[in-house]
Amino acid sequence: MKIQILGTGCPSCTKLAENAKQAIKEAGLDAEIEKVTDINQITAFGVMMTPALAVDGTVKIVGKVASPEEIKKVLK
């Protein structure tokens, strides 16, 4: 599983990445986290508001810092 954090590196993007790591750990999943900071790549996903989270190339969460619980629901 590949999880991508889409954002320019703002504090909200960093917090979303931390929450994603926590969610993966709590769920016992094997996943890779990649931070996508290039604005052209972010817009290629169709994302206009960051932070966003994509799972295996599909955007699941946009424009908010999701809690670890919310992220776990998306990953299952």
N, C-alpha and C. Protein backbone atom coordinates (compact mmCIF):
# COMPACT_ATOMS: atom_id res chain seq x y z
N MET A 1 0.85 -1.17 0.00
CA MET A 1 0.00 0.00 0.00
C MET A 1 0.89 1.23 0.00
N LYS A 2 0.52 2.20 -0.82
CA LYS A 2 1.27 3.45 -0.90
C LYS A 2 0.36 4.60 -0.52
N ILE A 3 0.79 5.35 0.49
CA ILE A 3 0.03 6.51 0.95
C ILE A 3 0.82 7.75 0.58
N GLN A 4 0.15 8.68 -0.08
CA GLN A 4 0.80 9.92 -0.48
C GLN A 4 0.15 11.10 0.25
N ILE A 5 1.00 11.92 0.84
CA ILE A 5 0.56 13.15 1.49
C ILE A 5 0.81 14.27 0.49
N LEU A 6 -0.27 14.90 0.04
CA LEU A 6 -0.16 15.95 -0.97
C LEU A 6 -0.22 17.31 -0.29
N GLY A 7 0.88 18.05 -0.37
CA GLY A 7 0.93 19.36 0.25
C GLY A 7 2.30 19.97 0.10
N THR A 8 2.38 21.25 0.29
CA THR A 8 3.62 21.98 0.05
C THR A 8 4.59 21.95 1.23
N GLY A 9 4.24 21.28 2.30
CA GLY A 9 5.12 21.21 3.45
C GLY A 9 4.70 22.10 4.61
N CYS A 10 3.47 22.58 4.57
CA CYS A 10 2.95 23.44 5.64
C CYS A 10 2.74 22.62 6.92
N PRO A 11 2.53 23.27 8.06
CA PRO A 11 2.31 22.54 9.31
C PRO A 11 1.14 21.55 9.23
N SER A 12 0.08 21.91 8.50
CA SER A 12 -1.06 20.99 8.37
C SER A 12 -0.67 19.73 7.61
N CYS A 13 0.17 19.90 6.59
CA CYS A 13 0.63 18.75 5.80
C CYS A 13 1.50 17.83 6.67
N THR A 14 2.35 18.44 7.47
CA THR A 14 3.21 17.67 8.36
C THR A 14 2.38 16.89 9.38
N LYS A 15 1.35 17.53 9.93
CA LYS A 15 0.47 16.87 10.90
C LYS A 15 -0.29 15.72 10.25
N LEU A 16 -0.74 15.90 9.01
CA LEU A 16 -1.44 14.82 8.32
C LEU A 16 -0.51 13.63 8.12
N ALA A 17 0.75 13.89 7.80
CA ALA A 17 1.73 12.81 7.62
C ALA A 17 1.94 12.07 8.95
N GLU A 18 2.04 12.81 10.04
CA GLU A 18 2.20 12.19 11.37
C GLU A 18 0.98 11.33 11.70
N ASN A 19 -0.21 11.84 11.43
CA ASN A 19 -1.44 11.09 11.71
C ASN A 19 -1.52 9.84 10.84
N ALA A 20 -1.06 9.93 9.60
CA ALA A 20 -1.06 8.76 8.71
C ALA A 20 -0.11 7.69 9.25
N LYS A 21 1.07 8.10 9.70
CA LYS A 21 2.03 7.13 10.28
C LYS A 21 1.42 6.45 11.49
N GLN A 22 0.75 7.22 12.34
CA GLN A 22 0.12 6.66 13.53
C GLN A 22 -0.99 5.69 13.15
N ALA A 23 -1.79 6.04 12.16
CA ALA A 23 -2.89 5.18 11.71
C ALA A 23 -2.36 3.86 11.17
N ILE A 24 -1.30 3.92 10.39
CA ILE A 24 -0.69 2.71 9.83
C ILE A 24 -0.20 1.80 10.96
N LYS A 25 0.48 2.41 11.92
CA LYS A 25 1.01 1.65 13.06
C LYS A 25 -0.11 1.00 13.86
N GLU A 26 -1.15 1.78 14.19
CA GLU A 26 -2.27 1.26 14.99
C GLU A 26 -3.04 0.17 14.25
N ALA A 27 -3.14 0.29 12.93
CA ALA A 27 -3.88 -0.69 12.14
C ALA A 27 -3.03 -1.92 11.80
N GLY A 28 -1.74 -1.82 12.07
CA GLY A 28 -0.85 -2.94 11.78
C GLY A 28 -0.67 -3.20 10.30
N LEU A 29 -0.72 -2.13 9.51
CA LEU A 29 -0.61 -2.26 8.06
C LEU A 29 0.83 -2.07 7.59
N ASP A 30 1.13 -2.64 6.43
CA ASP A 30 2.42 -2.44 5.80
C ASP A 30 2.20 -1.42 4.69
N ALA A 31 2.67 -0.21 4.91
CA ALA A 31 2.43 0.85 3.94
C ALA A 31 3.64 1.77 3.86
N GLU A 32 3.79 2.35 2.70
CA GLU A 32 4.86 3.32 2.44
C GLU A 32 4.22 4.70 2.38
N ILE A 33 4.86 5.68 3.02
CA ILE A 33 4.35 7.05 2.97
C ILE A 33 5.29 7.89 2.10
N GLU A 34 4.68 8.59 1.17
CA GLU A 34 5.43 9.48 0.29
C GLU A 34 4.83 10.88 0.40
N LYS A 35 5.71 11.88 0.54
CA LYS A 35 5.24 13.26 0.57
C LYS A 35 5.38 13.84 -0.84
N VAL A 36 4.30 14.35 -1.37
CA VAL A 36 4.29 14.98 -2.68
C VAL A 36 4.17 16.49 -2.46
N THR A 37 5.25 17.22 -2.76
CA THR A 37 5.27 18.65 -2.48
C THR A 37 5.25 19.51 -3.75
N ASP A 38 5.45 18.90 -4.90
CA ASP A 38 5.46 19.65 -6.16
C ASP A 38 4.02 20.01 -6.54
N ILE A 39 3.78 21.30 -6.70
CA ILE A 39 2.42 21.78 -6.96
C ILE A 39 1.84 21.21 -8.26
N ASN A 40 2.69 20.98 -9.26
CA ASN A 40 2.21 20.40 -10.52
C ASN A 40 1.74 18.95 -10.32
N GLN A 41 2.46 18.20 -9.50
CA GLN A 41 2.04 16.83 -9.20
C GLN A 41 0.75 16.82 -8.38
N ILE A 42 0.65 17.75 -7.45
CA ILE A 42 -0.55 17.84 -6.61
C ILE A 42 -1.78 18.14 -7.47
N THR A 43 -1.65 19.12 -8.37
CA THR A 43 -2.79 19.46 -9.21
C THR A 43 -3.11 18.36 -10.21
N ALA A 44 -2.11 17.55 -10.57
CA ALA A 44 -2.35 16.41 -11.47
C ALA A 44 -3.30 15.40 -10.83
N PHE A 45 -3.34 15.37 -9.50
CA PHE A 45 -4.28 14.51 -8.77
C PHE A 45 -5.69 15.12 -8.78
N GLY A 46 -5.80 16.37 -9.22
CA GLY A 46 -7.08 17.06 -9.19
C GLY A 46 -7.32 17.76 -7.87
N VAL A 47 -6.28 17.87 -7.06
CA VAL A 47 -6.39 18.48 -5.74
C VAL A 47 -6.12 19.98 -5.84
N MET A 48 -7.07 20.76 -5.34
CA MET A 48 -6.91 22.22 -5.35
C MET A 48 -6.77 22.78 -3.94
N MET A 49 -6.98 21.95 -2.93
CA MET A 49 -6.88 22.39 -1.54
C MET A 49 -6.06 21.35 -0.77
N THR A 50 -5.02 21.81 -0.09
CA THR A 50 -4.18 20.90 0.68
C THR A 50 -4.40 21.13 2.16
N PRO A 51 -4.03 20.18 3.00
CA PRO A 51 -3.40 18.92 2.65
C PRO A 51 -4.41 17.92 2.09
N ALA A 52 -3.87 16.91 1.43
CA ALA A 52 -4.71 15.84 0.92
C ALA A 52 -3.98 14.52 1.12
N LEU A 53 -4.74 13.44 1.12
CA LEU A 53 -4.17 12.12 1.30
C LEU A 53 -4.67 11.21 0.19
N ALA A 54 -3.75 10.52 -0.45
CA ALA A 54 -4.10 9.58 -1.51
C ALA A 54 -3.62 8.19 -1.10
N VAL A 55 -4.41 7.18 -1.44
CA VAL A 55 -4.06 5.79 -1.18
C VAL A 55 -3.97 5.09 -2.52
N ASP A 56 -2.79 4.54 -2.80
CA ASP A 56 -2.53 3.86 -4.07
C ASP A 56 -2.96 4.70 -5.27
N GLY A 57 -2.68 6.01 -5.20
CA GLY A 57 -2.94 6.90 -6.32
C GLY A 57 -4.34 7.49 -6.39
N THR A 58 -5.22 7.11 -5.45
CA THR A 58 -6.58 7.63 -5.43
C THR A 58 -6.75 8.57 -4.24
N VAL A 59 -7.17 9.80 -4.52
CA VAL A 59 -7.34 10.79 -3.46
C VAL A 59 -8.54 10.41 -2.60
N LYS A 60 -8.31 10.35 -1.28
CA LYS A 60 -9.35 9.94 -0.33
C LYS A 60 -9.78 11.07 0.61
N ILE A 61 -8.85 11.96 0.94
CA ILE A 61 -9.13 13.05 1.89
C ILE A 61 -8.54 14.34 1.31
N VAL A 62 -9.32 15.41 1.32
CA VAL A 62 -8.85 16.69 0.76
C VAL A 62 -9.19 17.84 1.70
N GLY A 63 -8.22 18.73 1.89
CA GLY A 63 -8.46 20.01 2.54
C GLY A 63 -8.62 19.97 4.04
N LYS A 64 -8.16 18.89 4.68
CA LYS A 64 -8.23 18.88 6.14
C LYS A 64 -7.19 17.93 6.72
N VAL A 65 -6.90 18.15 7.99
CA VAL A 65 -5.99 17.25 8.70
C VAL A 65 -6.86 16.17 9.34
N ALA A 66 -6.89 15.02 8.71
CA ALA A 66 -7.70 13.91 9.21
C ALA A 66 -7.03 13.30 10.44
N SER A 67 -7.85 12.85 11.37
CA SER A 67 -7.34 12.19 12.57
C SER A 67 -6.87 10.78 12.20
N PRO A 68 -6.04 10.17 13.05
CA PRO A 68 -5.64 8.79 12.79
C PRO A 68 -6.84 7.85 12.63
N GLU A 69 -7.90 8.10 13.39
CA GLU A 69 -9.11 7.26 13.30
C GLU A 69 -9.76 7.39 11.92
N GLU A 70 -9.87 8.62 11.42
CA GLU A 70 -10.44 8.84 10.09
C GLU A 70 -9.59 8.17 9.01
N ILE A 71 -8.28 8.28 9.16
CA ILE A 71 -7.38 7.67 8.17
C ILE A 71 -7.49 6.16 8.18
N LYS A 72 -7.60 5.57 9.36
CA LYS A 72 -7.75 4.11 9.46
C LYS A 72 -9.00 3.63 8.71
N LYS A 73 -10.08 4.39 8.82
CA LYS A 73 -11.32 4.02 8.11
C LYS A 73 -11.11 4.03 6.60
N VAL A 74 -10.34 4.99 6.11
CA VAL A 74 -10.06 5.10 4.68
C VAL A 74 -9.17 3.95 4.21
N LEU A 75 -8.27 3.51 5.07
CA LEU A 75 -7.31 2.47 4.69
C LEU A 75 -7.91 1.08 4.66
N LYS A 76 -9.02 0.88 5.35
CA LYS A 76 -9.61 -0.48 5.42
C LYS A 76 -10.51 -0.77 4.27
